[in-house]
């Protein structure tokens, strides 16, 4: 049984108020419609949405009473990818996108979840790589977010 029920997600930067608790979730657990979550304080939080949505770090789950539970990305094993210039980094990013890999893009670095085959590919493209443990919050995608399936032929 849930201690709290949330039917609304307030996007990062678009909410204010007192956060009563936090849920820390890895990437794979942040695309949901309905799930029972356990908060940092041990509360059971039922997320019950009309349709599946991707939760990002800094989003808030809002209860009907206006209580807020903050979403936090859990640390995960990632590959940090850097290149000597922006053109090379764009080239690597293109190869990652061609494989439909969730990718977190920052000013001069990209992050992907650890995968030895992809690590070898990126190293082969001449990038500098490092294994790190950090929260993972990739781009949502041009068509509305997280998708494990795509519809075109290769």
N, C-alpha and C. Protein backbone atom coordinates (compact mmCIF):
# COMPACT_ATOMS: atom_id res chain seq x y z
N UNK A 1 0.84 -1.19 0.00
CA UNK A 1 0.00 0.00 0.00
C UNK A 1 0.89 1.25 0.00
N UNK A 2 0.47 2.24 -0.73
CA UNK A 2 1.26 3.47 -0.89
C UNK A 2 0.99 4.45 0.24
N UNK A 3 2.07 5.12 0.65
CA UNK A 3 1.94 6.22 1.61
C UNK A 3 1.54 7.50 0.89
N UNK A 4 2.04 7.64 -0.35
CA UNK A 4 1.76 8.82 -1.17
C UNK A 4 1.41 8.36 -2.58
N UNK A 5 0.56 9.12 -3.27
CA UNK A 5 0.22 8.85 -4.66
C UNK A 5 0.50 10.12 -5.45
N UNK A 6 1.18 9.97 -6.57
CA UNK A 6 1.48 11.11 -7.44
C UNK A 6 0.90 10.85 -8.82
N UNK A 7 0.11 11.81 -9.30
CA UNK A 7 -0.49 11.72 -10.63
C UNK A 7 0.09 12.75 -11.59
N UNK A 8 1.00 13.60 -11.07
CA UNK A 8 1.53 14.71 -11.87
C UNK A 8 3.04 14.77 -11.72
N UNK A 9 3.71 15.05 -12.84
CA UNK A 9 5.16 15.32 -12.82
C UNK A 9 5.34 16.81 -13.11
N UNK A 10 6.07 17.45 -12.24
CA UNK A 10 6.43 18.86 -12.44
C UNK A 10 7.86 18.87 -12.98
N UNK A 11 8.07 19.38 -14.20
CA UNK A 11 9.42 19.37 -14.80
C UNK A 11 10.41 20.23 -14.02
N UNK A 12 11.65 19.82 -14.09
CA UNK A 12 12.76 20.56 -13.47
C UNK A 12 12.67 22.03 -13.87
N UNK A 13 12.84 22.89 -12.88
CA UNK A 13 12.83 24.32 -13.14
C UNK A 13 11.44 24.93 -13.25
N UNK A 14 10.39 24.10 -13.21
CA UNK A 14 9.02 24.60 -13.37
C UNK A 14 8.18 24.34 -12.13
N UNK A 15 8.84 24.14 -11.00
CA UNK A 15 8.10 23.94 -9.76
C UNK A 15 8.84 24.61 -8.62
N UNK A 16 8.12 24.88 -7.59
CA UNK A 16 8.72 25.41 -6.37
C UNK A 16 7.88 24.90 -5.20
N UNK A 17 8.46 24.92 -4.07
CA UNK A 17 7.75 24.44 -2.90
C UNK A 17 8.64 23.55 -2.07
N UNK A 18 8.09 23.09 -0.99
CA UNK A 18 8.83 22.25 -0.05
C UNK A 18 8.85 20.81 -0.52
N UNK A 19 10.04 20.27 -0.69
CA UNK A 19 10.20 18.86 -1.04
C UNK A 19 10.11 18.05 0.24
N UNK A 20 9.19 17.08 0.27
CA UNK A 20 9.04 16.28 1.48
C UNK A 20 9.91 15.03 1.48
N UNK A 21 10.41 14.64 0.29
CA UNK A 21 11.22 13.43 0.19
C UNK A 21 11.84 13.38 -1.20
N UNK A 22 12.66 12.36 -1.43
CA UNK A 22 13.30 12.16 -2.73
C UNK A 22 13.26 10.69 -3.11
N UNK A 23 13.18 10.43 -4.41
CA UNK A 23 13.36 9.07 -4.93
C UNK A 23 14.59 9.10 -5.82
N UNK A 24 15.49 8.15 -5.61
CA UNK A 24 16.74 8.06 -6.36
C UNK A 24 16.61 6.85 -7.28
N UNK A 25 16.67 7.10 -8.59
CA UNK A 25 16.38 6.05 -9.57
C UNK A 25 17.42 6.00 -10.67
N UNK A 26 17.82 4.77 -11.07
CA UNK A 26 18.68 4.66 -12.26
C UNK A 26 17.88 4.98 -13.52
N UNK A 27 18.57 5.18 -14.60
CA UNK A 27 17.96 5.56 -15.87
C UNK A 27 16.81 4.62 -16.28
N UNK A 28 17.04 3.32 -16.20
CA UNK A 28 16.02 2.36 -16.65
C UNK A 28 14.74 2.41 -15.83
N UNK A 29 14.79 2.95 -14.63
CA UNK A 29 13.60 3.05 -13.79
C UNK A 29 12.93 4.41 -13.87
N UNK A 30 13.38 5.27 -14.78
CA UNK A 30 12.82 6.62 -14.88
C UNK A 30 11.94 6.82 -16.09
N UNK A 31 11.52 5.77 -16.76
CA UNK A 31 10.52 5.86 -17.83
C UNK A 31 9.36 4.99 -17.40
N UNK A 32 8.35 5.61 -16.85
CA UNK A 32 7.28 4.86 -16.21
C UNK A 32 5.93 5.52 -16.42
N UNK A 33 4.91 4.68 -16.27
CA UNK A 33 3.54 5.15 -16.18
C UNK A 33 3.01 4.88 -14.78
N UNK A 34 3.28 3.67 -14.32
CA UNK A 34 2.77 3.27 -13.00
C UNK A 34 3.82 2.38 -12.33
N UNK A 35 4.24 2.81 -11.13
CA UNK A 35 5.23 2.04 -10.39
C UNK A 35 5.17 2.44 -8.92
N UNK A 36 5.43 1.50 -8.04
CA UNK A 36 5.54 1.79 -6.62
C UNK A 36 7.01 2.01 -6.30
N UNK A 37 7.34 3.21 -5.86
CA UNK A 37 8.71 3.60 -5.57
C UNK A 37 8.92 3.67 -4.06
N UNK A 38 10.15 3.48 -3.64
CA UNK A 38 10.50 3.68 -2.23
C UNK A 38 11.39 4.91 -2.13
N UNK A 39 10.99 5.85 -1.30
CA UNK A 39 11.72 7.10 -1.15
C UNK A 39 12.94 6.91 -0.25
N UNK A 40 13.76 7.95 -0.18
CA UNK A 40 14.93 7.91 0.70
C UNK A 40 14.53 7.72 2.16
N UNK A 41 13.37 8.23 2.53
CA UNK A 41 12.91 8.11 3.91
C UNK A 41 12.09 6.85 4.15
N UNK A 42 11.98 6.00 3.12
CA UNK A 42 11.28 4.73 3.26
C UNK A 42 9.80 4.76 2.95
N UNK A 43 9.28 5.90 2.50
CA UNK A 43 7.86 5.99 2.15
C UNK A 43 7.61 5.26 0.83
N UNK A 44 6.45 4.68 0.70
CA UNK A 44 6.03 4.06 -0.56
C UNK A 44 5.28 5.12 -1.36
N UNK A 45 5.78 5.41 -2.55
CA UNK A 45 5.22 6.45 -3.42
C UNK A 45 4.70 5.78 -4.68
N UNK A 46 3.40 5.81 -4.89
CA UNK A 46 2.81 5.25 -6.10
C UNK A 46 2.77 6.33 -7.17
N UNK A 47 3.51 6.11 -8.25
CA UNK A 47 3.45 6.98 -9.42
C UNK A 47 2.40 6.40 -10.33
N UNK A 48 1.37 7.16 -10.62
CA UNK A 48 0.27 6.67 -11.45
C UNK A 48 -0.10 7.76 -12.46
N UNK A 49 0.42 7.60 -13.68
CA UNK A 49 0.24 8.60 -14.74
C UNK A 49 -0.69 8.06 -15.83
N UNK A 50 -1.24 8.95 -16.64
CA UNK A 50 -2.10 8.53 -17.76
C UNK A 50 -1.30 7.81 -18.82
N UNK A 51 -0.05 8.25 -19.02
CA UNK A 51 0.83 7.61 -20.00
C UNK A 51 2.26 7.67 -19.48
N UNK A 52 3.10 6.79 -20.01
CA UNK A 52 4.49 6.72 -19.56
C UNK A 52 5.21 8.03 -19.88
N UNK A 53 6.04 8.45 -18.94
CA UNK A 53 6.85 9.64 -19.12
C UNK A 53 8.25 9.36 -18.60
N UNK A 54 9.20 10.11 -19.15
CA UNK A 54 10.58 9.99 -18.67
C UNK A 54 10.80 10.99 -17.55
N UNK A 55 11.30 10.51 -16.43
CA UNK A 55 11.61 11.36 -15.29
C UNK A 55 13.07 11.78 -15.36
N UNK A 56 13.31 13.06 -15.14
CA UNK A 56 14.67 13.60 -15.15
C UNK A 56 15.05 14.08 -13.76
N UNK A 57 16.34 14.11 -13.50
CA UNK A 57 16.83 14.70 -12.26
C UNK A 57 16.27 16.11 -12.13
N UNK A 58 15.72 16.40 -10.97
CA UNK A 58 15.16 17.72 -10.72
C UNK A 58 13.68 17.83 -10.97
N UNK A 59 13.06 16.82 -11.59
CA UNK A 59 11.61 16.78 -11.71
C UNK A 59 11.04 16.53 -10.31
N UNK A 60 9.76 16.81 -10.16
CA UNK A 60 9.09 16.53 -8.89
C UNK A 60 7.80 15.76 -9.16
N UNK A 61 7.55 14.77 -8.33
CA UNK A 61 6.28 14.06 -8.36
C UNK A 61 5.36 14.83 -7.42
N UNK A 62 4.18 15.18 -7.90
CA UNK A 62 3.27 15.97 -7.07
C UNK A 62 2.05 15.15 -6.68
N UNK A 63 1.74 15.17 -5.40
CA UNK A 63 0.55 14.49 -4.89
C UNK A 63 -0.66 15.40 -5.07
N UNK A 64 -1.87 14.87 -4.97
CA UNK A 64 -3.07 15.72 -5.05
C UNK A 64 -3.10 16.81 -3.98
N UNK A 65 -2.40 16.59 -2.86
CA UNK A 65 -2.34 17.59 -1.78
C UNK A 65 -1.26 18.64 -2.03
N UNK A 66 -0.52 18.52 -3.16
CA UNK A 66 0.52 19.48 -3.47
C UNK A 66 1.87 19.16 -2.87
N UNK A 67 2.01 17.98 -2.25
CA UNK A 67 3.31 17.59 -1.71
C UNK A 67 4.22 17.20 -2.86
N UNK A 68 5.52 17.46 -2.70
CA UNK A 68 6.48 17.23 -3.77
C UNK A 68 7.53 16.21 -3.35
N UNK A 69 7.78 15.25 -4.24
CA UNK A 69 8.84 14.27 -4.05
C UNK A 69 9.80 14.47 -5.22
N UNK A 70 11.04 14.86 -4.92
CA UNK A 70 12.02 15.15 -5.96
C UNK A 70 12.59 13.87 -6.56
N UNK A 71 12.80 13.89 -7.87
CA UNK A 71 13.42 12.79 -8.60
C UNK A 71 14.92 13.08 -8.73
N UNK A 72 15.73 12.08 -8.40
CA UNK A 72 17.18 12.21 -8.49
C UNK A 72 17.72 11.02 -9.27
N UNK A 73 18.59 11.28 -10.23
CA UNK A 73 19.23 10.20 -10.99
C UNK A 73 20.26 9.51 -10.12
N UNK A 74 20.18 8.19 -10.05
CA UNK A 74 21.15 7.41 -9.28
C UNK A 74 22.48 7.33 -10.01
N UNK A 75 23.58 7.27 -9.27
CA UNK A 75 24.88 7.07 -9.92
C UNK A 75 24.91 5.71 -10.64
N UNK A 76 25.49 5.71 -11.83
CA UNK A 76 25.62 4.50 -12.64
C UNK A 76 27.01 4.45 -13.25
N UNK A 77 27.40 3.27 -13.71
CA UNK A 77 28.68 3.11 -14.39
C UNK A 77 28.54 3.66 -15.81
N UNK A 78 29.34 4.69 -16.11
CA UNK A 78 29.25 5.39 -17.39
C UNK A 78 30.60 5.44 -18.08
N UNK A 79 30.54 5.75 -19.36
CA UNK A 79 31.75 6.06 -20.12
C UNK A 79 31.73 7.56 -20.38
N UNK A 80 32.77 8.25 -19.94
CA UNK A 80 32.96 9.67 -20.23
C UNK A 80 33.78 9.75 -21.51
N UNK A 81 33.27 10.49 -22.49
CA UNK A 81 33.92 10.56 -23.80
C UNK A 81 34.30 12.01 -24.10
N UNK A 82 35.59 12.21 -24.37
CA UNK A 82 36.10 13.53 -24.74
C UNK A 82 36.92 13.40 -26.02
N UNK A 83 37.02 14.49 -26.75
CA UNK A 83 37.82 14.52 -27.97
C UNK A 83 38.67 15.78 -27.99
N UNK A 84 39.64 15.81 -28.89
CA UNK A 84 40.56 16.94 -28.96
C UNK A 84 39.92 18.19 -29.55
N UNK A 85 38.80 18.03 -30.26
CA UNK A 85 38.12 19.19 -30.83
C UNK A 85 36.63 18.89 -31.01
N UNK A 86 35.82 19.92 -31.17
CA UNK A 86 34.38 19.73 -31.28
C UNK A 86 33.95 18.87 -32.47
N UNK A 87 34.66 18.97 -33.57
CA UNK A 87 34.30 18.18 -34.76
C UNK A 87 34.44 16.70 -34.48
N UNK A 88 35.51 16.31 -33.81
CA UNK A 88 35.69 14.89 -33.48
C UNK A 88 34.63 14.41 -32.50
N UNK A 89 34.26 15.25 -31.54
CA UNK A 89 33.22 14.87 -30.59
C UNK A 89 31.88 14.71 -31.30
N UNK A 90 31.59 15.59 -32.26
CA UNK A 90 30.37 15.45 -33.05
C UNK A 90 30.38 14.15 -33.84
N UNK A 91 31.52 13.78 -34.37
CA UNK A 91 31.65 12.53 -35.12
C UNK A 91 31.33 11.34 -34.22
N UNK A 92 31.89 11.33 -33.02
CA UNK A 92 31.61 10.25 -32.07
C UNK A 92 30.12 10.25 -31.70
N UNK A 93 29.56 11.44 -31.45
CA UNK A 93 28.14 11.54 -31.10
C UNK A 93 27.26 11.00 -32.22
N UNK A 94 27.66 11.24 -33.47
CA UNK A 94 26.90 10.71 -34.59
C UNK A 94 26.88 9.18 -34.54
N UNK A 95 28.03 8.57 -34.28
CA UNK A 95 28.09 7.10 -34.21
C UNK A 95 27.24 6.57 -33.05
N UNK A 96 27.21 7.28 -31.93
CA UNK A 96 26.37 6.86 -30.80
C UNK A 96 24.89 6.98 -31.17
N UNK A 97 24.53 8.09 -31.81
CA UNK A 97 23.15 8.27 -32.23
C UNK A 97 22.72 7.26 -33.27
N UNK A 98 23.64 6.88 -34.15
CA UNK A 98 23.35 5.87 -35.16
C UNK A 98 23.00 4.52 -34.53
N UNK A 99 23.47 4.31 -33.31
CA UNK A 99 23.18 3.08 -32.57
C UNK A 99 22.04 3.27 -31.57
N UNK A 100 21.40 4.43 -31.62
CA UNK A 100 20.26 4.75 -30.76
C UNK A 100 20.58 4.61 -29.28
N UNK A 101 21.81 5.01 -28.90
CA UNK A 101 22.22 4.91 -27.50
C UNK A 101 21.81 6.16 -26.74
N UNK A 102 21.18 5.99 -25.59
CA UNK A 102 20.92 7.16 -24.75
C UNK A 102 22.24 7.86 -24.45
N UNK A 103 22.30 9.16 -24.67
CA UNK A 103 23.54 9.92 -24.53
C UNK A 103 23.30 11.22 -23.79
N UNK A 104 24.10 11.44 -22.78
CA UNK A 104 24.05 12.70 -22.04
C UNK A 104 25.09 13.62 -22.66
N UNK A 105 24.63 14.77 -23.16
CA UNK A 105 25.49 15.68 -23.89
C UNK A 105 25.75 16.93 -23.06
N UNK A 106 27.02 17.23 -22.87
CA UNK A 106 27.41 18.45 -22.18
C UNK A 106 28.33 19.25 -23.09
N UNK A 107 28.84 20.37 -22.63
CA UNK A 107 29.57 21.30 -23.50
C UNK A 107 30.71 20.64 -24.27
N UNK A 108 31.58 19.91 -23.61
CA UNK A 108 32.73 19.32 -24.30
C UNK A 108 32.93 17.85 -23.94
N UNK A 109 31.86 17.19 -23.54
CA UNK A 109 31.93 15.79 -23.14
C UNK A 109 30.56 15.15 -23.33
N UNK A 110 30.56 13.87 -23.64
CA UNK A 110 29.32 13.10 -23.65
C UNK A 110 29.49 11.89 -22.75
N UNK A 111 28.37 11.42 -22.22
CA UNK A 111 28.36 10.25 -21.35
C UNK A 111 27.37 9.24 -21.89
N UNK A 112 27.76 7.97 -21.83
CA UNK A 112 26.85 6.87 -22.15
C UNK A 112 27.00 5.83 -21.06
N UNK A 113 26.00 4.94 -20.97
CA UNK A 113 26.13 3.86 -20.00
C UNK A 113 27.23 2.91 -20.47
N UNK A 114 27.88 2.28 -19.51
CA UNK A 114 29.01 1.41 -19.82
C UNK A 114 28.56 0.25 -20.70
N UNK A 115 29.33 0.02 -21.76
CA UNK A 115 29.16 -1.11 -22.66
C UNK A 115 30.54 -1.34 -23.28
N UNK A 116 31.13 -2.49 -23.05
CA UNK A 116 32.50 -2.73 -23.50
C UNK A 116 32.65 -2.65 -25.02
N UNK A 117 31.66 -3.13 -25.75
CA UNK A 117 31.73 -3.09 -27.22
C UNK A 117 31.74 -1.63 -27.69
N UNK A 118 30.87 -0.82 -27.12
CA UNK A 118 30.81 0.59 -27.51
C UNK A 118 32.07 1.33 -27.05
N UNK A 119 32.58 0.97 -25.87
CA UNK A 119 33.84 1.56 -25.40
C UNK A 119 34.95 1.30 -26.41
N UNK A 120 35.05 0.07 -26.89
CA UNK A 120 36.07 -0.27 -27.89
C UNK A 120 35.87 0.52 -29.18
N UNK A 121 34.60 0.68 -29.60
CA UNK A 121 34.32 1.43 -30.82
C UNK A 121 34.75 2.89 -30.66
N UNK A 122 34.38 3.51 -29.54
CA UNK A 122 34.70 4.92 -29.31
C UNK A 122 36.22 5.11 -29.21
N UNK A 123 36.90 4.19 -28.52
CA UNK A 123 38.36 4.25 -28.47
C UNK A 123 38.94 4.16 -29.88
N UNK A 124 38.36 3.29 -30.70
CA UNK A 124 38.82 3.13 -32.08
C UNK A 124 38.61 4.37 -32.94
N UNK A 125 37.65 5.20 -32.54
CA UNK A 125 37.41 6.46 -33.26
C UNK A 125 38.36 7.56 -32.80
N UNK A 126 39.22 7.25 -31.82
CA UNK A 126 40.23 8.20 -31.38
C UNK A 126 39.83 9.06 -30.20
N UNK A 127 38.72 8.75 -29.58
CA UNK A 127 38.27 9.55 -28.43
C UNK A 127 39.04 9.16 -27.18
N UNK A 128 39.04 10.05 -26.22
CA UNK A 128 39.58 9.74 -24.89
C UNK A 128 38.40 9.29 -24.03
N UNK A 129 38.56 8.16 -23.38
CA UNK A 129 37.47 7.62 -22.58
C UNK A 129 37.94 7.37 -21.15
N UNK A 130 36.98 7.44 -20.26
CA UNK A 130 37.24 7.14 -18.86
C UNK A 130 35.97 6.55 -18.27
N UNK A 131 36.11 5.51 -17.47
CA UNK A 131 34.97 4.92 -16.78
C UNK A 131 34.73 5.73 -15.51
N UNK A 132 33.48 6.18 -15.33
CA UNK A 132 33.12 6.98 -14.17
C UNK A 132 31.81 6.44 -13.58
N UNK A 133 31.57 6.79 -12.35
CA UNK A 133 30.28 6.52 -11.73
C UNK A 133 29.65 7.86 -11.43
N UNK A 134 28.49 8.10 -12.05
CA UNK A 134 27.83 9.40 -11.93
C UNK A 134 26.36 9.26 -12.28
N UNK A 135 25.54 10.23 -11.88
CA UNK A 135 24.14 10.22 -12.33
C UNK A 135 24.08 10.33 -13.85
N UNK A 136 23.11 9.65 -14.45
CA UNK A 136 22.97 9.63 -15.91
C UNK A 136 21.62 10.23 -16.27
N UNK A 137 21.64 11.32 -17.02
CA UNK A 137 20.41 11.99 -17.43
C UNK A 137 20.53 12.37 -18.90
N UNK A 138 20.32 11.39 -19.80
CA UNK A 138 20.54 11.62 -21.23
C UNK A 138 19.46 12.49 -21.86
N UNK A 139 19.75 12.92 -23.08
CA UNK A 139 18.79 13.67 -23.89
C UNK A 139 17.52 12.85 -24.04
N UNK A 140 16.39 13.53 -24.18
CA UNK A 140 15.11 12.85 -24.30
C UNK A 140 14.79 12.35 -25.69
N UNK A 141 15.39 12.91 -26.70
CA UNK A 141 15.10 12.47 -28.06
C UNK A 141 14.16 13.43 -28.76
N UNK A 142 14.23 13.44 -30.05
CA UNK A 142 13.46 14.38 -30.86
C UNK A 142 11.97 14.06 -30.90
N UNK A 143 11.59 12.85 -30.56
CA UNK A 143 10.20 12.44 -30.68
C UNK A 143 9.56 12.16 -29.34
N UNK A 144 9.93 12.94 -28.33
CA UNK A 144 9.21 12.86 -27.08
C UNK A 144 9.88 12.09 -25.99
N UNK A 145 11.10 11.68 -26.14
CA UNK A 145 11.77 11.10 -24.99
C UNK A 145 12.32 9.74 -25.19
N UNK A 146 12.30 8.98 -24.13
CA UNK A 146 12.93 7.68 -23.99
C UNK A 146 12.17 6.65 -24.80
N UNK A 147 12.85 5.90 -25.60
CA UNK A 147 12.20 4.83 -26.34
C UNK A 147 13.16 3.69 -26.50
N UNK A 148 12.68 2.52 -26.21
CA UNK A 148 13.52 1.33 -26.33
C UNK A 148 13.37 0.72 -27.73
N UNK A 149 12.44 1.24 -28.53
CA UNK A 149 12.17 0.69 -29.83
C UNK A 149 12.22 1.81 -30.86
N UNK A 150 12.60 1.48 -32.06
CA UNK A 150 12.51 2.47 -33.12
C UNK A 150 11.92 1.82 -34.34
N UNK A 151 11.45 2.66 -35.29
CA UNK A 151 10.59 2.11 -36.33
C UNK A 151 11.16 2.11 -37.74
N UNK A 152 12.42 2.43 -37.91
CA UNK A 152 12.94 2.42 -39.28
C UNK A 152 13.87 1.23 -39.50
N UNK A 153 14.08 0.94 -40.75
CA UNK A 153 14.98 -0.16 -41.13
C UNK A 153 16.42 0.35 -41.23
N UNK A 154 17.38 -0.50 -40.92
CA UNK A 154 18.79 -0.15 -41.09
C UNK A 154 19.31 -0.79 -42.35
